[in-house]
Protein backbone atom coordinates (compact mmCIF):
# COMPACT_ATOMS: atom_id res chain seq x y z
CA MET A 1 -2.32 -5.71 -27.34
CA PRO A 2 -1.68 -3.72 -24.14
CA ARG A 3 -4.57 -2.94 -21.86
CA LYS A 4 -6.05 0.53 -21.86
CA PRO A 5 -4.85 2.89 -19.12
CA ARG A 6 -6.98 3.09 -16.00
CA ILE A 7 -9.29 6.06 -15.75
CA GLU A 8 -8.16 8.15 -12.79
CA LEU A 9 -10.53 10.79 -11.54
CA LEU A 10 -9.35 13.40 -9.10
CA GLY A 11 -10.75 12.83 -5.64
CA LYS A 12 -10.74 10.37 -2.74
CA TYR A 13 -10.06 6.65 -2.95
CA HIS A 14 -10.18 3.70 -0.57
CA ILE A 15 -7.33 1.35 -1.55
CA VAL A 16 -6.97 -2.17 -0.18
CA ASN A 17 -4.00 -4.42 -1.00
CA ARG A 18 -3.19 -7.80 0.49
CA GLY A 19 -0.46 -10.38 0.30
CA VAL A 20 -0.77 -13.07 -2.37
CA GLU A 21 -2.70 -16.06 -0.99
CA GLN A 22 -3.30 -13.91 2.12
CA ARG A 23 0.32 -14.40 3.20
CA VAL A 24 1.78 -12.20 5.90
CA VAL A 25 3.28 -9.03 4.47
CA PHE A 26 4.28 -7.28 7.70
CA LYS A 27 5.98 -9.59 10.21
CA GLU A 28 8.04 -7.31 12.44
CA PRO A 29 7.36 -3.85 13.92
CA GLU A 30 10.16 -2.58 11.68
CA ASP A 31 8.18 -3.70 8.60
CA TYR A 32 5.27 -1.45 9.59
CA LYS A 33 7.58 1.45 10.39
CA HIS A 34 9.48 1.16 7.10
CA PHE A 35 6.21 1.03 5.12
CA GLU A 36 4.83 4.07 6.98
CA GLU A 37 7.99 6.06 6.29
CA LEU A 38 7.96 5.28 2.58
CA LEU A 39 4.21 5.87 2.37
CA CYS A 40 4.85 9.43 3.57
CA VAL A 41 7.76 9.95 1.17
CA TYR A 42 5.82 8.67 -1.86
CA ALA A 43 2.66 10.57 -0.92
CA LYS A 44 4.65 13.79 -0.79
CA SER A 45 6.47 13.13 -4.06
CA PHE A 46 3.20 12.30 -5.88
CA ASN A 47 1.25 15.16 -4.22
CA ILE A 48 -1.21 12.72 -2.63
CA THR A 49 -2.96 13.36 0.67
CA ILE A 50 -3.22 10.33 2.97
CA HIS A 51 -6.33 10.90 5.10
CA ASN A 52 -6.22 7.57 6.90
CA TYR A 53 -4.51 4.20 6.71
CA CYS A 54 -4.59 0.84 8.44
CA LEU A 55 -1.78 -1.72 8.26
CA MET A 56 -2.52 -5.33 9.13
CA SER A 57 -0.27 -8.34 8.97
CA ASN A 58 -1.48 -9.55 5.56
CA HIS A 59 -2.85 -6.37 3.95
CA TYR A 60 -3.30 -2.63 4.20
CA HIS A 61 -5.98 0.02 3.66
CA LEU A 62 -5.37 3.57 2.45
CA LEU A 63 -7.87 6.42 2.35
CA LEU A 64 -6.24 8.97 0.10
CA GLU A 65 -6.94 11.92 -2.14
CA ILE A 66 -5.30 12.54 -5.50
CA LYS A 67 -4.87 16.00 -6.97
CA GLN A 68 -3.27 14.78 -10.22
CA GLU A 69 -3.93 11.72 -12.38
CA ASN A 70 -1.08 9.72 -10.84
CA LEU A 71 -2.72 7.10 -8.61
CA SER A 72 -1.49 4.15 -10.71
CA LYS A 73 2.08 5.42 -10.63
CA PHE A 74 1.90 5.99 -6.86
CA MET A 75 0.49 2.50 -6.21
CA ARG A 76 3.03 0.85 -8.50
CA GLN A 77 5.86 2.55 -6.60
CA LEU A 78 4.35 1.67 -3.22
CA ASN A 79 3.73 -1.97 -4.16
CA ILE A 80 7.31 -2.39 -5.36
CA LEU A 81 8.18 -1.66 -1.72
CA VAL A 82 6.13 -4.42 -0.10
CA PRO A 83 8.17 -7.42 -1.33
CA THR A 84 11.40 -5.61 -0.53
CA LEU A 85 10.42 -5.37 3.12
CA HIS A 86 11.33 -9.02 3.36
CA VAL A 87 14.56 -9.22 1.39
CA GLY A 88 17.18 -10.51 3.77
CA MET A 89 14.68 -10.67 6.64
CA HIS A 90 11.79 -12.89 5.53
CA THR A 91 10.54 -14.46 2.31
CA PRO A 92 11.48 -12.18 -0.63
CA THR A 93 8.78 -13.55 -2.96
CA GLN A 94 5.74 -11.96 -1.32
CA THR A 95 3.77 -9.44 -3.36
CA THR A 96 0.38 -7.76 -3.05
CA LYS A 97 -2.85 -7.89 -5.00
CA ASN A 98 -6.39 -6.59 -4.50
CA ALA A 99 -7.74 -7.37 -1.10
CA GLN A 100 -10.32 -9.06 1.07
CA PRO A 101 -12.03 -7.69 4.22
CA PRO A 102 -9.84 -6.77 7.23
CA THR A 103 -8.52 -9.36 9.68
CA ASN A 104 -6.28 -9.76 12.75
CA HIS A 105 -3.42 -7.41 13.76
CA GLN A 106 -4.03 -3.71 13.07
CA HIS A 107 -2.00 -0.51 12.90
CA PHE A 108 -4.69 2.15 12.45
CA HIS A 109 -3.90 5.81 11.96
CA ASN A 110 -6.09 8.86 11.55
CA LEU A 111 -4.24 11.77 10.01
């Protein structure tokens, strides 16, 4: 039996995702840049406002606002991206899951 859909209320959310087993997700400066570019593209296409975000080597934080009930679809699309950052560059098996508190290297942005 499939699980019930998540309840998505319109408003602001703090999202935290980290690499499986706390593995490094972003290794090179290009990894951060590529993620930031696609974050902007997906936010625009899903009509989501990114108020703030912080990228660290093994996880990321997003402070965002949804205006439609599409947060799950947005996050699914964004998290498909994370393992592909490493295809041909690093380990292609890395994925993300719910996170732990922040650590080490930071790319912090206030929009």
